């Protein structure tokens, strides 16, 4: 299990991947959630409109330091794709750990 101290900046920190045509590494972004700082609670009325949580999101949610804030509809905001069906949705953002996100 990985534990990241800082916020990932939304959607994942860069991951160094060996380039297929050479002996060098290139940064790849968007490799999934790398932290739990964007924990949100989606209302039940809209929760079923979201795709299911993937393994890496479940792992990051397990790392969340305030288990009393977790609900069945907890998600990482960086993994929620907004659609027109979500128009008018109000999302609860619990207080979280200190972060360096401006």
PDB file of N, CA and C in Angstrom:
ATOM      1  N   UNK A   1       0.858  -1.176   0.000  1.00  0.00           N
ATOM      2  CA  UNK A   1       0.000   0.000   0.000  1.00  0.00           C
ATOM      3  C   UNK A   1       0.899   1.233   0.000  1.00  0.00           C
ATOM      4  N   UNK A   2       0.556   2.193  -0.853  1.00  0.00           N
ATOM      5  CA  UNK A   2       1.323   3.424  -0.944  1.00  0.00           C
ATOM      6  C   UNK A   2       0.665   4.495  -0.090  1.00  0.00           C
ATOM      7  N   UNK A   3       1.462   5.396   0.457  1.00  0.00           N
ATOM      8  CA  UNK A   3       0.912   6.523   1.191  1.00  0.00           C
ATOM      9  C   UNK A   3       1.639   7.765   0.738  1.00  0.00           C
ATOM     10  N   UNK A   4       0.898   8.723   0.221  1.00  0.00           N
ATOM     11  CA  UNK A   4       1.475   9.958  -0.277  1.00  0.00           C
ATOM     12  C   UNK A   4       1.146  11.074   0.688  1.00  0.00           C
ATOM     13  N   UNK A   5       2.122  11.893   1.032  1.00  0.00           N
ATOM     14  CA  UNK A   5       1.928  12.931   2.026  1.00  0.00           C
ATOM     15  C   UNK A   5       1.271  14.173   1.437  1.00  0.00           C
ATOM     16  N   UNK A   6       1.611  14.559   0.232  1.00  0.00           N
ATOM     17  CA  UNK A   6       1.059  15.775  -0.363  1.00  0.00           C
ATOM     18  C   UNK A   6      -0.092  15.477  -1.288  1.00  0.00           C
ATOM     19  N   UNK A   7      -0.827  16.526  -1.609  1.00  0.00           N
ATOM     20  CA  UNK A   7      -1.932  16.369  -2.547  1.00  0.00           C
ATOM     21  C   UNK A   7      -1.389  16.146  -3.950  1.00  0.00           C
ATOM     22  N   UNK A   8      -2.074  15.335  -4.721  1.00  0.00           N
ATOM     23  CA  UNK A   8      -1.560  14.948  -6.045  1.00  0.00           C
ATOM     24  C   UNK A   8      -1.836  15.993  -7.108  1.00  0.00           C
ATOM     25  N   UNK A   9      -2.598  17.022  -6.808  1.00  0.00           N
ATOM     26  CA  UNK A   9      -2.869  18.045  -7.797  1.00  0.00           C
ATOM     27  C   UNK A   9      -4.031  17.700  -8.720  1.00  0.00           C
ATOM     28  N   UNK A  10      -4.719  16.629  -8.454  1.00  0.00           N
ATOM     29  CA  UNK A  10      -5.910  16.278  -9.222  1.00  0.00           C
ATOM     30  C   UNK A  10      -5.659  15.247 -10.295  1.00  0.00           C
ATOM     31  N   UNK A  11      -5.993  14.020 -10.027  1.00  0.00           N
ATOM     32  CA  UNK A  11      -5.924  12.986 -11.038  1.00  0.00           C
ATOM     33  C   UNK A  11      -4.641  12.206 -11.085  1.00  0.00           C
ATOM     34  N   UNK A  12      -3.707  12.522 -10.270  1.00  0.00           N
ATOM     35  CA  UNK A  12      -2.505  11.707 -10.214  1.00  0.00           C
ATOM     36  C   UNK A  12      -1.221  12.474 -10.408  1.00  0.00           C
ATOM     37  N   UNK A  13      -0.250  12.088  -9.668  1.00  0.00           N
ATOM     38  CA  UNK A  13       1.079  12.657  -9.807  1.00  0.00           C
ATOM     39  C   UNK A  13       1.741  12.066 -11.038  1.00  0.00           C
ATOM     40  N   UNK A  14       2.768  12.740 -11.556  1.00  0.00           N
ATOM     41  CA  UNK A  14       3.453  12.139 -12.703  1.00  0.00           C
ATOM     42  C   UNK A  14       4.108  10.824 -12.313  1.00  0.00           C
ATOM     43  N   UNK A  15       4.075   9.898 -13.229  1.00  0.00           N
ATOM     44  CA  UNK A  15       4.691   8.599 -13.043  1.00  0.00           C
ATOM     45  C   UNK A  15       5.736   8.434 -14.128  1.00  0.00           C
ATOM     46  N   UNK A  16       6.953   8.086 -13.766  1.00  0.00           N
ATOM     47  CA  UNK A  16       8.018   7.909 -14.760  1.00  0.00           C
ATOM     48  C   UNK A  16       7.857   6.544 -15.425  1.00  0.00           C
ATOM     49  N   UNK A  17       7.706   6.555 -16.738  1.00  0.00           N
ATOM     50  CA  UNK A  17       7.524   5.337 -17.519  1.00  0.00           C
ATOM     51  C   UNK A  17       8.690   5.220 -18.496  1.00  0.00           C
ATOM     52  N   UNK A  18       9.281   4.039 -18.586  1.00  0.00           N
ATOM     53  CA  UNK A  18      10.361   3.808 -19.538  1.00  0.00           C
ATOM     54  C   UNK A  18       9.803   3.956 -20.945  1.00  0.00           C
ATOM     55  N   UNK A  19      10.393   4.855 -21.720  1.00  0.00           N
ATOM     56  CA  UNK A  19       9.920   5.116 -23.077  1.00  0.00           C
ATOM     57  C   UNK A  19      10.166   3.892 -23.946  1.00  0.00           C
ATOM     58  N   UNK A  20       9.218   3.582 -24.831  1.00  0.00           N
ATOM     59  CA  UNK A  20       9.306   2.373 -25.643  1.00  0.00           C
ATOM     60  C   UNK A  20      10.429   2.403 -26.671  1.00  0.00           C
ATOM     61  N   UNK A  21      10.910   3.593 -27.042  1.00  0.00           N
ATOM     62  CA  UNK A  21      11.958   3.690 -28.055  1.00  0.00           C
ATOM     63  C   UNK A  21      13.203   4.354 -27.487  1.00  0.00           C
ATOM     64  N   UNK A  22      13.749   3.803 -26.469  1.00  0.00           N
ATOM     65  CA  UNK A  22      14.955   4.389 -25.910  1.00  0.00           C
ATOM     66  C   UNK A  22      15.151   4.037 -24.458  1.00  0.00           C
ATOM     67  N   UNK A  23      16.245   4.452 -23.950  1.00  0.00           N
ATOM     68  CA  UNK A  23      16.588   4.185 -22.555  1.00  0.00           C
ATOM     69  C   UNK A  23      16.391   5.440 -21.714  1.00  0.00           C
ATOM     70  N   UNK A  24      15.231   6.015 -21.794  1.00  0.00           N
ATOM     71  CA  UNK A  24      14.932   7.192 -20.990  1.00  0.00           C
ATOM     72  C   UNK A  24      13.495   7.110 -20.480  1.00  0.00           C
ATOM     73  N   UNK A  25      13.259   7.844 -19.441  1.00  0.00           N
ATOM     74  CA  UNK A  25      11.950   7.834 -18.795  1.00  0.00           C
ATOM     75  C   UNK A  25      11.212   9.122 -19.129  1.00  0.00           C
ATOM     76  N   UNK A  26       9.908   9.012 -19.323  1.00  0.00           N
ATOM     77  CA  UNK A  26       9.101  10.199 -19.558  1.00  0.00           C
ATOM     78  C   UNK A  26       7.978  10.252 -18.532  1.00  0.00           C
ATOM     79  N   UNK A  27       7.608  11.460 -18.118  1.00  0.00           N
ATOM     80  CA  UNK A  27       6.506  11.558 -17.149  1.00  0.00           C
ATOM     81  C   UNK A  27       5.167  11.315 -17.822  1.00  0.00           C
ATOM     82  N   UNK A  28       4.347  10.516 -17.201  1.00  0.00           N
ATOM     83  CA  UNK A  28       2.985  10.255 -17.663  1.00  0.00           C
ATOM     84  C   UNK A  28       2.045  10.761 -16.580  1.00  0.00           C
ATOM     85  N   UNK A  29       1.058  11.516 -16.980  1.00  0.00           N
ATOM     86  CA  UNK A  29       0.099  12.068 -16.030  1.00  0.00           C
ATOM     87  C   UNK A  29      -1.230  11.341 -16.139  1.00  0.00           C
ATOM     88  N   UNK A  30      -2.064  11.537 -15.123  1.00  0.00           N
ATOM     89  CA  UNK A  30      -3.393  10.947 -15.151  1.00  0.00           C
ATOM     90  C   UNK A  30      -3.400   9.450 -14.920  1.00  0.00           C
ATOM     91  N   UNK A  31      -2.468   8.957 -14.138  1.00  0.00           N
ATOM     92  CA  UNK A  31      -2.376   7.519 -13.872  1.00  0.00           C
ATOM     93  C   UNK A  31      -3.282   7.103 -12.722  1.00  0.00           C
ATOM     94  N   UNK A  32      -4.259   7.924 -12.409  1.00  0.00           N
ATOM     95  CA  UNK A  32      -5.196   7.589 -11.343  1.00  0.00           C
ATOM     96  C   UNK A  32      -4.896   8.363 -10.076  1.00  0.00           C
ATOM     97  N   UNK A  33      -5.750   8.209  -9.088  1.00  0.00           N
ATOM     98  CA  UNK A  33      -5.583   8.968  -7.851  1.00  0.00           C
ATOM     99  C   UNK A  33      -4.327   8.552  -7.097  1.00  0.00           C
ATOM    100  N   UNK A  34      -3.660   9.538  -6.544  1.00  0.00           N
ATOM    101  CA  UNK A  34      -2.443   9.293  -5.784  1.00  0.00           C
ATOM    102  C   UNK A  34      -2.565   9.744  -4.334  1.00  0.00           C
ATOM    103  N   UNK A  35      -3.709  10.307  -3.969  1.00  0.00           N
ATOM    104  CA  UNK A  35      -3.901  10.766  -2.593  1.00  0.00           C
ATOM    105  C   UNK A  35      -5.396  10.704  -2.265  1.00  0.00           C
ATOM    106  N   UNK A  36      -5.769  11.220  -1.124  1.00  0.00           N
ATOM    107  CA  UNK A  36      -7.166  11.201  -0.688  1.00  0.00           C
ATOM    108  C   UNK A  36      -7.669  12.595  -0.365  1.00  0.00           C
ATOM    109  N   UNK A  37      -6.934  13.621  -0.751  1.00  0.00           N
ATOM    110  CA  UNK A  37      -7.250  14.988  -0.356  1.00  0.00           C
ATOM    111  C   UNK A  37      -8.534  15.533  -0.971  1.00  0.00           C
ATOM    112  N   UNK A  38      -9.002  14.968  -2.058  1.00  0.00           N
ATOM    113  CA  UNK A  38     -10.211  15.493  -2.704  1.00  0.00           C
ATOM    114  C   UNK A  38     -11.442  14.648  -2.366  1.00  0.00           C
ATOM    115  N   UNK A  39     -11.459  14.064  -1.170  1.00  0.00           N
ATOM    116  CA  UNK A  39     -12.602  13.264  -0.725  1.00  0.00           C
ATOM    117  C   UNK A  39     -13.859  14.126  -0.691  1.00  0.00           C
ATOM    118  N   UNK A  40     -14.914  13.653  -1.346  1.00  0.00           N
ATOM    119  CA  UNK A  40     -16.213  14.323  -1.328  1.00  0.00           C
ATOM    120  C   UNK A  40     -17.294  13.279  -1.063  1.00  0.00           C
ATOM    121  N   UNK A  41     -18.443  13.761  -0.654  1.00  0.00           N
ATOM    122  CA  UNK A  41     -19.582  12.875  -0.440  1.00  0.00           C
ATOM    123  C   UNK A  41     -20.665  13.278  -1.436  1.00  0.00           C
ATOM    124  N   UNK A  42     -21.023  12.337  -2.293  1.00  0.00           N
ATOM    125  CA  UNK A  42     -22.003  12.561  -3.350  1.00  0.00           C
ATOM    126  C   UNK A  42     -23.398  12.246  -2.784  1.00  0.00           C
ATOM    127  N   UNK A  43     -24.404  13.060  -3.077  1.00  0.00           N
ATOM    128  CA  UNK A  43     -25.743  12.744  -2.589  1.00  0.00           C
ATOM    129  C   UNK A  43     -26.268  11.454  -3.224  1.00  0.00           C
ATOM    130  N   UNK A  44     -27.033  10.714  -2.461  1.00  0.00           N
ATOM    131  CA  UNK A  44     -27.569   9.442  -2.958  1.00  0.00           C
ATOM    132  C   UNK A  44     -28.374   9.630  -4.250  1.00  0.00           C
ATOM    133  N   UNK A  45     -29.003  10.771  -4.400  1.00  0.00           N
ATOM    134  CA  UNK A  45     -29.819  11.021  -5.592  1.00  0.00           C
ATOM    135  C   UNK A  45     -28.997  11.026  -6.878  1.00  0.00           C
ATOM    136  N   UNK A  46     -27.703  11.270  -6.776  1.00  0.00           N
ATOM    137  CA  UNK A  46     -26.840  11.324  -7.957  1.00  0.00           C
ATOM    138  C   UNK A  46     -25.787  10.220  -7.969  1.00  0.00           C
ATOM    139  N   UNK A  47     -25.623   9.541  -6.856  1.00  0.00           N
ATOM    140  CA  UNK A  47     -24.537   8.563  -6.737  1.00  0.00           C
ATOM    141  C   UNK A  47     -24.622   7.446  -7.778  1.00  0.00           C
ATOM    142  N   UNK A  48     -25.810   6.961  -8.058  1.00  0.00           N
ATOM    143  CA  UNK A  48     -25.965   5.854  -9.012  1.00  0.00           C
ATOM    144  C   UNK A  48     -25.679   6.256 -10.453  1.00  0.00           C
ATOM    145  N   UNK A  49     -25.520   7.549 -10.707  1.00  0.00           N
ATOM    146  CA  UNK A  49     -25.182   8.025 -12.054  1.00  0.00           C
ATOM    147  C   UNK A  49     -23.685   7.944 -12.322  1.00  0.00           C
ATOM    148  N   UNK A  50     -22.912   7.628 -11.288  1.00  0.00           N
ATOM    149  CA  UNK A  50     -21.459   7.550 -11.419  1.00  0.00           C
ATOM    150  C   UNK A  50     -21.021   6.135 -11.743  1.00  0.00           C
ATOM    151  N   UNK A  51     -19.900   6.004 -12.453  1.00  0.00           N
ATOM    152  CA  UNK A  51     -19.359   4.659 -12.637  1.00  0.00           C
ATOM    153  C   UNK A  51     -18.849   4.126 -11.298  1.00  0.00           C
ATOM    154  N   UNK A  52     -18.741   2.803 -11.154  1.00  0.00           N
ATOM    155  CA  UNK A  52     -18.265   2.254  -9.879  1.00  0.00           C
ATOM    156  C   UNK A  52     -16.833   2.683  -9.577  1.00  0.00           C
ATOM    157  N   UNK A  53     -16.504   2.644  -8.298  1.00  0.00           N
ATOM    158  CA  UNK A  53     -15.136   2.961  -7.867  1.00  0.00           C
ATOM    159  C   UNK A  53     -14.178   1.899  -8.395  1.00  0.00           C
ATOM    160  N   UNK A  54     -13.041   2.343  -8.863  1.00  0.00           N
ATOM    161  CA  UNK A  54     -11.995   1.431  -9.308  1.00  0.00           C
ATOM    162  C   UNK A  54     -11.094   1.090  -8.111  1.00  0.00           C
ATOM    163  N   UNK A  55     -10.286   0.073  -8.261  1.00  0.00           N
ATOM    164  CA  UNK A  55      -9.431  -0.411  -7.166  1.00  0.00           C
ATOM    165  C   UNK A  55      -8.552   0.685  -6.596  1.00  0.00           C
ATOM    166  N   UNK A  56      -7.923   1.493  -7.476  1.00  0.00           N
ATOM    167  CA  UNK A  56      -7.013   2.518  -6.955  1.00  0.00           C
ATOM    168  C   UNK A  56      -7.758   3.596  -6.175  1.00  0.00           C
ATOM    169  N   UNK A  57      -8.993   3.905  -6.546  1.00  0.00           N
ATOM    170  CA  UNK A  57      -9.780   4.865  -5.773  1.00  0.00           C
ATOM    171  C   UNK A  57     -10.164   4.271  -4.421  1.00  0.00           C
ATOM    172  N   UNK A  58     -10.567   3.013  -4.406  1.00  0.00           N
ATOM    173  CA  UNK A  58     -10.898   2.351  -3.138  1.00  0.00           C
ATOM    174  C   UNK A  58      -9.707   2.351  -2.191  1.00  0.00           C
ATOM    175  N   UNK A  59      -8.519   2.096  -2.723  1.00  0.00           N
ATOM    176  CA  UNK A  59      -7.309   2.089  -1.892  1.00  0.00           C
ATOM    177  C   UNK A  59      -7.035   3.463  -1.306  1.00  0.00           C
ATOM    178  N   UNK A  60      -7.182   4.518  -2.105  1.00  0.00           N
ATOM    179  CA  UNK A  60      -6.940   5.873  -1.593  1.00  0.00           C
ATOM    180  C   UNK A  60      -7.971   6.245  -0.539  1.00  0.00           C
ATOM    181  N   UNK A  61      -9.230   5.844  -0.739  1.00  0.00           N
ATOM    182  CA  UNK A  61     -10.254   6.143   0.259  1.00  0.00           C
ATOM    183  C   UNK A  61      -9.980   5.415   1.571  1.00  0.00           C
ATOM    184  N   UNK A  62      -9.381   4.231   1.502  1.00  0.00           N
ATOM    185  CA  UNK A  62      -9.023   3.511   2.723  1.00  0.00           C
ATOM    186  C   UNK A  62      -7.935   4.239   3.504  1.00  0.00           C
ATOM    187  N   UNK A  63      -7.133   5.055   2.807  1.00  0.00           N
ATOM    188  CA  UNK A  63      -6.065   5.814   3.457  1.00  0.00           C
ATOM    189  C   UNK A  63      -6.577   7.086   4.127  1.00  0.00           C
ATOM    190  N   UNK A  64      -7.826   7.441   3.892  1.00  0.00           N
ATOM    191  CA  UNK A  64      -8.369   8.700   4.423  1.00  0.00           C
ATOM    192  C   UNK A  64      -8.266   8.694   5.950  1.00  0.00           C
ATOM    193  N   UNK A  65      -7.668   9.734   6.538  1.00  0.00           N
ATOM    194  CA  UNK A  65      -7.358   9.704   7.974  1.00  0.00           C
ATOM    195  C   UNK A  65      -8.536   9.950   8.913  1.00  0.00           C
ATOM    196  N   UNK A  66      -9.724  10.267   8.393  1.00  0.00           N
ATOM    197  CA  UNK A  66     -10.882  10.547   9.239  1.00  0.00           C
ATOM    198  C   UNK A  66     -12.022   9.586   8.889  1.00  0.00           C
ATOM    199  N   UNK A  67     -11.959   8.345   9.378  1.00  0.00           N
ATOM    200  CA  UNK A  67     -12.967   7.347   8.995  1.00  0.00           C
ATOM    201  C   UNK A  67     -14.393   7.752   9.365  1.00  0.00           C
ATOM    202  N   UNK A  68     -14.548   8.625  10.350  1.00  0.00           N
ATOM    203  CA  UNK A  68     -15.889   9.058  10.734  1.00  0.00           C
ATOM    204  C   UNK A  68     -16.556   9.892   9.634  1.00  0.00           C
ATOM    205  N   UNK A  69     -15.786  10.408   8.694  1.00  0.00           N
ATOM    206  CA  UNK A  69     -16.333  11.192   7.580  1.00  0.00           C
ATOM    207  C   UNK A  69     -16.698  10.327   6.371  1.00  0.00           C
ATOM    208  N   UNK A  70     -16.313   9.080   6.378  1.00  0.00           N
ATOM    209  CA  UNK A  70     -16.556   8.216   5.225  1.00  0.00           C
ATOM    210  C   UNK A  70     -18.016   7.757   5.208  1.00  0.00           C
ATOM    211  N   UNK A  71     -18.579   7.695   4.007  1.00  0.00           N
ATOM    212  CA  UNK A  71     -19.936   7.196   3.823  1.00  0.00           C
ATOM    213  C   UNK A  71     -19.928   6.216   2.649  1.00  0.00           C
ATOM    214  N   UNK A  72     -21.063   5.586   2.411  1.00  0.00           N
ATOM    215  CA  UNK A  72     -21.173   4.686   1.260  1.00  0.00           C
ATOM    216  C   UNK A  72     -21.053   5.446  -0.057  1.00  0.00           C
ATOM    217  N   UNK A  73     -21.313   6.748  -0.024  1.00  0.00           N
ATOM    218  CA  UNK A  73     -21.254   7.545  -1.249  1.00  0.00           C
ATOM    219  C   UNK A  73     -20.004   8.419  -1.313  1.00  0.00           C
ATOM    220  N   UNK A  74     -18.990   8.090  -0.515  1.00  0.00           N
ATOM    221  CA  UNK A  74     -17.717   8.810  -0.576  1.00  0.00           C
ATOM    222  C   UNK A  74     -17.009   8.514  -1.891  1.00  0.00           C
ATOM    223  N   UNK A  75     -16.456   9.543  -2.498  1.00  0.00           N
ATOM    224  CA  UNK A  75     -15.695   9.409  -3.739  1.00  0.00           C
ATOM    225  C   UNK A  75     -14.520  10.378  -3.689  1.00  0.00           C
ATOM    226  N   UNK A  76     -13.590  10.193  -4.607  1.00  0.00           N
ATOM    227  CA  UNK A  76     -12.528  11.159  -4.827  1.00  0.00           C
ATOM    228  C   UNK A  76     -12.970  12.054  -5.980  1.00  0.00           C
ATOM    229  N   UNK A  77     -13.009  13.353  -5.742  1.00  0.00           N
ATOM    230  CA  UNK A  77     -13.522  14.278  -6.751  1.00  0.00           C
ATOM    231  C   UNK A  77     -12.754  14.175  -8.060  1.00  0.00           C
ATOM    232  N   UNK A  78     -11.463  13.876  -7.994  1.00  0.00           N
ATOM    233  CA  UNK A  78     -10.670  13.780  -9.218  1.00  0.00           C
ATOM    234  C   UNK A  78     -11.078  12.596 -10.084  1.00  0.00           C
ATOM    235  N   UNK A  79     -11.889  11.688  -9.566  1.00  0.00           N
ATOM    236  CA  UNK A  79     -12.309  10.513 -10.315  1.00  0.00           C
ATOM    237  C   UNK A  79     -13.759  10.606 -10.786  1.00  0.00           C
ATOM    238  N   UNK A  80     -14.423  11.712 -10.473  1.00  0.00           N
ATOM    239  CA  UNK A  80     -15.820  11.894 -10.854  1.00  0.00           C
ATOM    240  C   UNK A  80     -15.879  12.738 -12.123  1.00  0.00           C
ATOM    241  N   UNK A  81     -16.431  12.167 -13.175  1.00  0.00           N
ATOM    242  CA  UNK A  81     -16.617  12.907 -14.423  1.00  0.00           C
ATOM    243  C   UNK A  81     -18.004  13.532 -14.401  1.00  0.00           C
ATOM    244  N   UNK A  82     -18.024  14.853 -14.499  1.00  0.00           N
ATOM    245  CA  UNK A  82     -19.279  15.587 -14.436  1.00  0.00           C
ATOM    246  C   UNK A  82     -20.049  15.400 -15.745  1.00  0.00           C
ATOM    247  N   UNK A  83     -21.337  15.123 -15.621  1.00  0.00           N
ATOM    248  CA  UNK A  83     -22.212  14.975 -16.784  1.00  0.00           C
ATOM    249  C   UNK A  83     -23.420  15.892 -16.621  1.00  0.00           C
ATOM    250  N   UNK A  84     -24.161  16.053 -17.676  1.00  0.00           N
ATOM    251  CA  UNK A  84     -25.355  16.901 -17.649  1.00  0.00           C
ATOM    252  C   UNK A  84     -26.379  16.378 -16.639  1.00  0.00           C
ATOM    253  N   UNK A  85     -26.411  15.072 -16.409  1.00  0.00           N
ATOM    254  CA  UNK A  85     -27.336  14.483 -15.435  1.00  0.00           C
ATOM    255  C   UNK A  85     -27.088  14.986 -14.016  1.00  0.00           C
ATOM    256  N   UNK A  86     -25.928  15.540 -13.772  1.00  0.00           N
ATOM    257  CA  UNK A  86     -25.571  15.994 -12.426  1.00  0.00           C
ATOM    258  C   UNK A  86     -25.889  17.464 -12.198  1.00  0.00           C
ATOM    259  N   UNK A  87     -26.545  18.084 -13.160  1.00  0.00           N
ATOM    260  CA  UNK A  87     -26.896  19.491 -13.026  1.00  0.00           C
ATOM    261  C   UNK A  87     -27.697  19.707 -11.751  1.00  0.00           C
ATOM    262  N   UNK A  88     -27.273  20.661 -10.937  1.00  0.00           N
ATOM    263  CA  UNK A  88     -27.942  20.969  -9.679  1.00  0.00           C
ATOM    264  C   UNK A  88     -27.472  20.146  -8.496  1.00  0.00           C
ATOM    265  N   UNK A  89     -26.546  19.240  -8.702  1.00  0.00           N
ATOM    266  CA  UNK A  89     -26.061  18.388  -7.611  1.00  0.00           C
ATOM    267  C   UNK A  89     -25.245  19.218  -6.621  1.00  0.00           C
ATOM    268  N   UNK A  90     -25.500  19.020  -5.345  1.00  0.00           N
ATOM    269  CA  UNK A  90     -24.708  19.632  -4.284  1.00  0.00           C
ATOM    270  C   UNK A  90     -23.833  18.551  -3.674  1.00  0.00           C
ATOM    271  N   UNK A  91     -22.543  18.829  -3.556  1.00  0.00           N
ATOM    272  CA  UNK A  91     -21.585  17.861  -3.046  1.00  0.00           C
ATOM    273  C   UNK A  91     -21.081  18.339  -1.689  1.00  0.00           C
ATOM    274  N   UNK A  92     -21.033  17.431  -0.727  1.00  0.00           N
ATOM    275  CA  UNK A  92     -20.502  17.754   0.595  1.00  0.00           C
ATOM    276  C   UNK A  92     -19.002  17.533   0.595  1.00  0.00           C
ATOM    277  N   UNK A  93     -18.255  18.533   1.047  1.00  0.00           N
ATOM    278  CA  UNK A  93     -16.803  18.443   1.141  1.00  0.00           C
ATOM    279  C   UNK A  93     -16.430  18.497   2.616  1.00  0.00           C
ATOM    280  N   UNK A  94     -16.105  17.354   3.211  1.00  0.00           N
ATOM    281  CA  UNK A  94     -15.752  17.347   4.634  1.00  0.00           C
ATOM    282  C   UNK A  94     -14.415  18.041   4.870  1.00  0.00           C
ATOM    283  N   UNK A  95     -14.240  18.551   6.084  1.00  0.00           N
ATOM    284  CA  UNK A  95     -12.937  19.097   6.439  1.00  0.00           C
ATOM    285  C   UNK A  95     -11.928  17.980   6.321  1.00  0.00           C
ATOM    286  N   UNK A  96     -10.780  18.296   5.780  1.00  0.00           N
ATOM    287  CA  UNK A  96      -9.766  17.290   5.601  1.00  0.00           C
ATOM    288  C   UNK A  96      -8.454  17.728   6.205  1.00  0.00           C
ATOM    289  N   UNK A  97      -7.414  16.959   5.971  1.00  0.00           N
ATOM    290  CA  UNK A  97      -6.099  17.301   6.497  1.00  0.00           C
ATOM    291  C   UNK A  97      -5.562  18.544   5.806  1.00  0.00           C
ATOM    292  N   UNK A  98      -4.606  19.229   6.423  1.00  0.00           N
ATOM    293  CA  UNK A  98      -4.002  20.388   5.785  1.00  0.00           C
ATOM    294  C   UNK A  98      -3.383  19.991   4.442  1.00  0.00           C
ATOM    295  N   UNK A  99      -3.436  20.924   3.501  1.00  0.00           N
ATOM    296  CA  UNK A  99      -2.925  20.652   2.169  1.00  0.00           C
ATOM    297  C   UNK A  99      -2.226  21.892   1.641  1.00  0.00           C
ATOM    298  N   UNK A 100      -1.337  21.695   0.679  1.00  0.00           N
ATOM    299  CA  UNK A 100      -0.666  22.833   0.076  1.00  0.00           C
ATOM    300  C   UNK A 100      -1.346  23.258  -1.224  1.00  0.00           C
ATOM    301  N   UNK A 101      -2.578  22.789  -1.450  1.00  0.00           N
ATOM    302  CA  UNK A 101      -3.334  23.187  -2.646  1.00  0.00           C
ATOM    303  C   UNK A 101      -3.769  24.637  -2.475  1.00  0.00           C
ATOM    304  N   UNK A 102      -3.440  25.512  -3.418  1.00  0.00           N
ATOM    305  CA  UNK A 102      -3.826  26.936  -3.262  1.00  0.00           C
ATOM    306  C   UNK A 102      -5.316  27.144  -3.368  1.00  0.00           C
TER     307      UNK A 102
END
